[in-house]
PDB file of N, CA and C in Angstrom:
ATOM      1  N   MET A   1      -0.612   3.462  16.341  1.00  0.00           N
ATOM      2  CA  MET A   1      -1.822   3.960  15.698  1.00  0.00           C
ATOM      3  C   MET A   1      -1.846   3.456  14.252  1.00  0.00           C
ATOM      4  N   ALA A   2      -2.913   2.859  13.847  1.00  0.00           N
ATOM      5  CA  ALA A   2      -3.050   2.312  12.501  1.00  0.00           C
ATOM      6  C   ALA A   2      -3.576   3.375  11.545  1.00  0.00           C
ATOM      7  N   ILE A   3      -3.496   3.063  10.274  1.00  0.00           N
ATOM      8  CA  ILE A   3      -4.027   3.960   9.256  1.00  0.00           C
ATOM      9  C   ILE A   3      -5.550   3.940   9.318  1.00  0.00           C
ATOM     10  N   ARG A   4      -6.134   5.098   9.295  1.00  0.00           N
ATOM     11  CA  ARG A   4      -7.593   5.191   9.384  1.00  0.00           C
ATOM     12  C   ARG A   4      -8.245   4.694   8.108  1.00  0.00           C
ATOM     13  N   GLN A   5      -9.422   4.125   8.256  1.00  0.00           N
ATOM     14  CA  GLN A   5     -10.172   3.574   7.126  1.00  0.00           C
ATOM     15  C   GLN A   5     -10.465   4.641   6.077  1.00  0.00           C
ATOM     16  N   GLU A   6     -10.721   5.871   6.504  1.00  0.00           N
ATOM     17  CA  GLU A   6     -11.011   6.952   5.565  1.00  0.00           C
ATOM     18  C   GLU A   6      -9.829   7.211   4.642  1.00  0.00           C
ATOM     19  N   VAL A   7      -8.629   7.086   5.178  1.00  0.00           N
ATOM     20  CA  VAL A   7      -7.414   7.288   4.377  1.00  0.00           C
ATOM     21  C   VAL A   7      -7.258   6.138   3.393  1.00  0.00           C
ATOM     22  N   LEU A   8      -7.472   4.914   3.857  1.00  0.00           N
ATOM     23  CA  LEU A   8      -7.358   3.747   2.981  1.00  0.00           C
ATOM     24  C   LEU A   8      -8.327   3.822   1.808  1.00  0.00           C
ATOM     25  N   GLU A   9      -9.486   4.393   2.032  1.00  0.00           N
ATOM     26  CA  GLU A   9     -10.497   4.476   0.983  1.00  0.00           C
ATOM     27  C   GLU A   9     -10.123   5.446  -0.134  1.00  0.00           C
ATOM     28  N   ILE A  10      -9.289   6.439   0.143  1.00  0.00           N
ATOM     29  CA  ILE A  10      -8.934   7.411  -0.898  1.00  0.00           C
ATOM     30  C   ILE A  10      -7.591   7.128  -1.557  1.00  0.00           C
ATOM     31  N   LEU A  11      -6.756   6.285  -0.940  1.00  0.00           N
ATOM     32  CA  LEU A  11      -5.458   5.974  -1.529  1.00  0.00           C
ATOM     33  C   LEU A  11      -5.619   5.031  -2.714  1.00  0.00           C
ATOM     34  N   VAL A  12      -4.802   5.253  -3.740  1.00  0.00           N
ATOM     35  CA  VAL A  12      -4.753   4.369  -4.903  1.00  0.00           C
ATOM     36  C   VAL A  12      -3.293   4.076  -5.221  1.00  0.00           C
ATOM     37  N   CYS A  13      -3.076   3.052  -5.996  1.00  0.00           N
ATOM     38  CA  CYS A  13      -1.729   2.699  -6.436  1.00  0.00           C
ATOM     39  C   CYS A  13      -1.187   3.837  -7.305  1.00  0.00           C
ATOM     40  N   PRO A  14       0.005   4.343  -7.014  1.00  0.00           N
ATOM     41  CA  PRO A  14       0.552   5.426  -7.833  1.00  0.00           C
ATOM     42  C   PRO A  14       0.959   4.978  -9.241  1.00  0.00           C
ATOM     43  N   LYS A  15       1.133   3.684  -9.434  1.00  0.00           N
ATOM     44  CA  LYS A  15       1.551   3.178 -10.746  1.00  0.00           C
ATOM     45  C   LYS A  15       0.361   3.005 -11.696  1.00  0.00           C
ATOM     46  N   CYS A  16      -0.698   2.325 -11.240  1.00  0.00           N
ATOM     47  CA  CYS A  16      -1.832   2.028 -12.126  1.00  0.00           C
ATOM     48  C   CYS A  16      -3.113   2.768 -11.745  1.00  0.00           C
ATOM     49  N   LYS A  17      -3.086   3.461 -10.617  1.00  0.00           N
ATOM     50  CA  LYS A  17      -4.262   4.183 -10.089  1.00  0.00           C
ATOM     51  C   LYS A  17      -5.379   3.236  -9.663  1.00  0.00           C
ATOM     52  N   GLY A  18      -5.032   1.959  -9.442  1.00  0.00           N
ATOM     53  CA  GLY A  18      -6.009   0.961  -9.031  1.00  0.00           C
ATOM     54  C   GLY A  18      -6.170   0.909  -7.518  1.00  0.00           C
ATOM     55  N   ASP A  19      -7.086   0.052  -7.094  1.00  0.00           N
ATOM     56  CA  ASP A  19      -7.368  -0.116  -5.673  1.00  0.00           C
ATOM     57  C   ASP A  19      -6.205  -0.786  -4.955  1.00  0.00           C
ATOM     58  N   ILE A  20      -6.042  -0.435  -3.689  1.00  0.00           N
ATOM     59  CA  ILE A  20      -5.055  -1.069  -2.825  1.00  0.00           C
ATOM     60  C   ILE A  20      -5.747  -1.494  -1.542  1.00  0.00           C
ATOM     61  N   HIS A  21      -5.128  -2.422  -0.834  1.00  0.00           N
ATOM     62  CA  HIS A  21      -5.674  -2.849   0.447  1.00  0.00           C
ATOM     63  C   HIS A  21      -4.532  -3.158   1.405  1.00  0.00           C
ATOM     64  N   LEU A  22      -4.844  -3.139   2.665  1.00  0.00           N
ATOM     65  CA  LEU A  22      -3.873  -3.418   3.717  1.00  0.00           C
ATOM     66  C   LEU A  22      -3.528  -4.898   3.699  1.00  0.00           C
ATOM     67  N   ASN A  23      -2.236  -5.217   3.834  1.00  0.00           N
ATOM     68  CA  ASN A  23      -1.848  -6.628   3.871  1.00  0.00           C
ATOM     69  C   ASN A  23      -2.174  -7.222   5.238  1.00  0.00           C
ATOM     70  N   ALA A  24      -2.045  -8.540   5.346  1.00  0.00           N
ATOM     71  CA  ALA A  24      -2.413  -9.243   6.578  1.00  0.00           C
ATOM     72  C   ALA A  24      -1.588  -8.793   7.773  1.00  0.00           C
ATOM     73  N   ALA A  25      -0.324  -8.488   7.548  1.00  0.00           N
ATOM     74  CA  ALA A  25       0.550  -8.058   8.643  1.00  0.00           C
ATOM     75  C   ALA A  25       0.281  -6.618   9.071  1.00  0.00           C
ATOM     76  N   GLY A  26      -0.398  -5.850   8.216  1.00  0.00           N
ATOM     77  CA  GLY A  26      -0.704  -4.460   8.539  1.00  0.00           C
ATOM     78  C   GLY A  26       0.462  -3.518   8.331  1.00  0.00           C
ATOM     79  N   ASP A  27       1.506  -3.990   7.624  1.00  0.00           N
ATOM     80  CA  ASP A  27       2.685  -3.148   7.436  1.00  0.00           C
ATOM     81  C   ASP A  27       2.908  -2.754   5.977  1.00  0.00           C
ATOM     82  N   GLY A  28       1.890  -2.954   5.150  1.00  0.00           N
ATOM     83  CA  GLY A  28       2.020  -2.596   3.745  1.00  0.00           C
ATOM     84  C   GLY A  28       0.674  -2.505   3.061  1.00  0.00           C
ATOM     85  N   LEU A  29       0.664  -1.802   1.936  1.00  0.00           N
ATOM     86  CA  LEU A  29      -0.528  -1.658   1.113  1.00  0.00           C
ATOM     87  C   LEU A  29      -0.292  -2.391  -0.194  1.00  0.00           C
ATOM     88  N   VAL A  30      -1.199  -3.274  -0.537  1.00  0.00           N
ATOM     89  CA  VAL A  30      -1.037  -4.177  -1.674  1.00  0.00           C
ATOM     90  C   VAL A  30      -1.847  -3.699  -2.878  1.00  0.00           C
ATOM     91  N   CYS A  31      -1.191  -3.690  -4.036  1.00  0.00           N
ATOM     92  CA  CYS A  31      -1.872  -3.499  -5.310  1.00  0.00           C
ATOM     93  C   CYS A  31      -1.807  -4.839  -6.023  1.00  0.00           C
ATOM     94  N   GLU A  32      -2.948  -5.503  -6.137  1.00  0.00           N
ATOM     95  CA  GLU A  32      -3.004  -6.815  -6.792  1.00  0.00           C
ATOM     96  C   GLU A  32      -2.702  -6.694  -8.286  1.00  0.00           C
ATOM     97  N   ALA A  33      -3.146  -5.622  -8.926  1.00  0.00           N
ATOM     98  CA  ALA A  33      -2.949  -5.452 -10.362  1.00  0.00           C
ATOM     99  C   ALA A  33      -1.468  -5.343 -10.724  1.00  0.00           C
ATOM    100  N   CYS A  34      -0.711  -4.597  -9.943  1.00  0.00           N
ATOM    101  CA  CYS A  34       0.720  -4.406 -10.211  1.00  0.00           C
ATOM    102  C   CYS A  34       1.594  -5.424  -9.490  1.00  0.00           C
ATOM    103  N   GLN A  35       0.985  -6.173  -8.567  1.00  0.00           N
ATOM    104  CA  GLN A  35       1.724  -7.146  -7.761  1.00  0.00           C
ATOM    105  C   GLN A  35       2.828  -6.462  -6.948  1.00  0.00           C
ATOM    106  N   LEU A  36       2.472  -5.314  -6.342  1.00  0.00           N
ATOM    107  CA  LEU A  36       3.407  -4.541  -5.533  1.00  0.00           C
ATOM    108  C   LEU A  36       2.855  -4.322  -4.134  1.00  0.00           C
ATOM    109  N   VAL A  37       3.785  -4.169  -3.180  1.00  0.00           N
ATOM    110  CA  VAL A  37       3.433  -3.828  -1.806  1.00  0.00           C
ATOM    111  C   VAL A  37       4.143  -2.534  -1.451  1.00  0.00           C
ATOM    112  N   TYR A  38       3.366  -1.539  -1.069  1.00  0.00           N
ATOM    113  CA  TYR A  38       3.909  -0.252  -0.635  1.00  0.00           C
ATOM    114  C   TYR A  38       4.043  -0.288   0.884  1.00  0.00           C
ATOM    115  N   PRO A  39       5.229   0.041   1.412  1.00  0.00           N
ATOM    116  CA  PRO A  39       5.434  -0.078   2.855  1.00  0.00           C
ATOM    117  C   PRO A  39       4.705   1.001   3.654  1.00  0.00           C
ATOM    118  N   ILE A  40       4.459   0.676   4.901  1.00  0.00           N
ATOM    119  CA  ILE A  40       3.937   1.644   5.856  1.00  0.00           C
ATOM    120  C   ILE A  40       5.010   1.797   6.926  1.00  0.00           C
ATOM    121  N   ARG A  41       5.511   3.007   7.080  1.00  0.00           N
ATOM    122  CA  ARG A  41       6.568   3.276   8.054  1.00  0.00           C
ATOM    123  C   ARG A  41       6.079   4.327   9.041  1.00  0.00           C
ATOM    124  N   GLU A  42       6.136   3.980  10.306  1.00  0.00           N
ATOM    125  CA  GLU A  42       5.690   4.883  11.373  1.00  0.00           C
ATOM    126  C   GLU A  42       4.275   5.384  11.099  1.00  0.00           C
ATOM    127  N   ASP A  43       3.392   4.460  10.687  1.00  0.00           N
ATOM    128  CA  ASP A  43       1.984   4.736  10.401  1.00  0.00           C
ATOM    129  C   ASP A  43       1.763   5.655   9.205  1.00  0.00           C
ATOM    130  N   ILE A  44       2.780   5.800   8.358  1.00  0.00           N
ATOM    131  CA  ILE A  44       2.660   6.639   7.164  1.00  0.00           C
ATOM    132  C   ILE A  44       2.894   5.769   5.934  1.00  0.00           C
ATOM    133  N   PRO A  45       1.913   5.692   5.026  1.00  0.00           N
ATOM    134  CA  PRO A  45       2.120   4.914   3.810  1.00  0.00           C
ATOM    135  C   PRO A  45       3.138   5.593   2.896  1.00  0.00           C
ATOM    136  N   VAL A  46       4.097   4.821   2.416  1.00  0.00           N
ATOM    137  CA  VAL A  46       5.111   5.337   1.503  1.00  0.00           C
ATOM    138  C   VAL A  46       4.672   4.943   0.088  1.00  0.00           C
ATOM    139  N   MET A  47       4.008   5.863  -0.581  1.00  0.00           N
ATOM    140  CA  MET A  47       3.392   5.582  -1.880  1.00  0.00           C
ATOM    141  C   MET A  47       4.312   5.988  -3.027  1.00  0.00           C
ATOM    142  N   LEU A  48       5.544   5.516  -2.979  1.00  0.00           N
ATOM    143  CA  LEU A  48       6.522   5.751  -4.028  1.00  0.00           C
ATOM    144  C   LEU A  48       6.794   4.436  -4.744  1.00  0.00           C
ATOM    145  N   ILE A  49       6.699   4.444  -6.064  1.00  0.00           N
ATOM    146  CA  ILE A  49       6.902   3.221  -6.840  1.00  0.00           C
ATOM    147  C   ILE A  49       8.276   2.615  -6.558  1.00  0.00           C
ATOM    148  N   ASP A  50       9.284   3.452  -6.415  1.00  0.00           N
ATOM    149  CA  ASP A  50      10.651   2.973  -6.154  1.00  0.00           C
ATOM    150  C   ASP A  50      10.797   2.294  -4.798  1.00  0.00           C
ATOM    151  N   GLU A  51       9.917   2.575  -3.868  1.00  0.00           N
ATOM    152  CA  GLU A  51       9.969   1.990  -2.526  1.00  0.00           C
ATOM    153  C   GLU A  51       9.143   0.711  -2.412  1.00  0.00           C
ATOM    154  N   ALA A  52       8.327   0.427  -3.406  1.00  0.00           N
ATOM    155  CA  ALA A  52       7.471  -0.762  -3.375  1.00  0.00           C
ATOM    156  C   ALA A  52       8.299  -2.029  -3.603  1.00  0.00           C
ATOM    157  N   THR A  53       7.814  -3.130  -3.040  1.00  0.00           N
ATOM    158  CA  THR A  53       8.461  -4.423  -3.237  1.00  0.00           C
ATOM    159  C   THR A  53       7.480  -5.349  -3.948  1.00  0.00           C
ATOM    160  N   PRO A  54       8.006  -6.330  -4.674  1.00  0.00           N
ATOM    161  CA  PRO A  54       7.103  -7.280  -5.350  1.00  0.00           C
ATOM    162  C   PRO A  54       6.268  -8.057  -4.352  1.00  0.00           C
ATOM    163  N   LEU A  55       5.040  -8.307  -4.701  1.00  0.00           N
ATOM    164  CA  LEU A  55       4.131  -9.079  -3.862  1.00  0.00           C
ATOM    165  C   LEU A  55       4.659 -10.504  -3.703  1.00  0.00           C
ATOM    166  N   GLY A  56       4.583 -11.039  -2.503  1.00  0.00           N
ATOM    167  CA  GLY A  56       5.059 -12.382  -2.237  1.00  0.00           C
ATOM    168  C   GLY A  56       6.523 -12.442  -1.872  1.00  0.00           C
ATOM    169  N   ARG A  57       7.115 -11.328  -1.682  1.00  0.00           N
ATOM    170  CA  ARG A  57       8.535 -11.272  -1.314  1.00  0.00           C
ATOM    171  C   ARG A  57       8.703 -11.032   0.135  1.00  0.00           C
TER     172      ARG A  57
END
């Protein structure tokens, strides 16, 4: 089960409060401003700055 669009519309980056979007693989949420990817585990977004990885990694 994927993350619902309604949930994606209300989530923001916890670091900058900016917009995020689903990555191409569907396994992370990308913040372009911070250049971070927040993982999605078992269909649950992990919106912790410490759990994010740099974009392009």
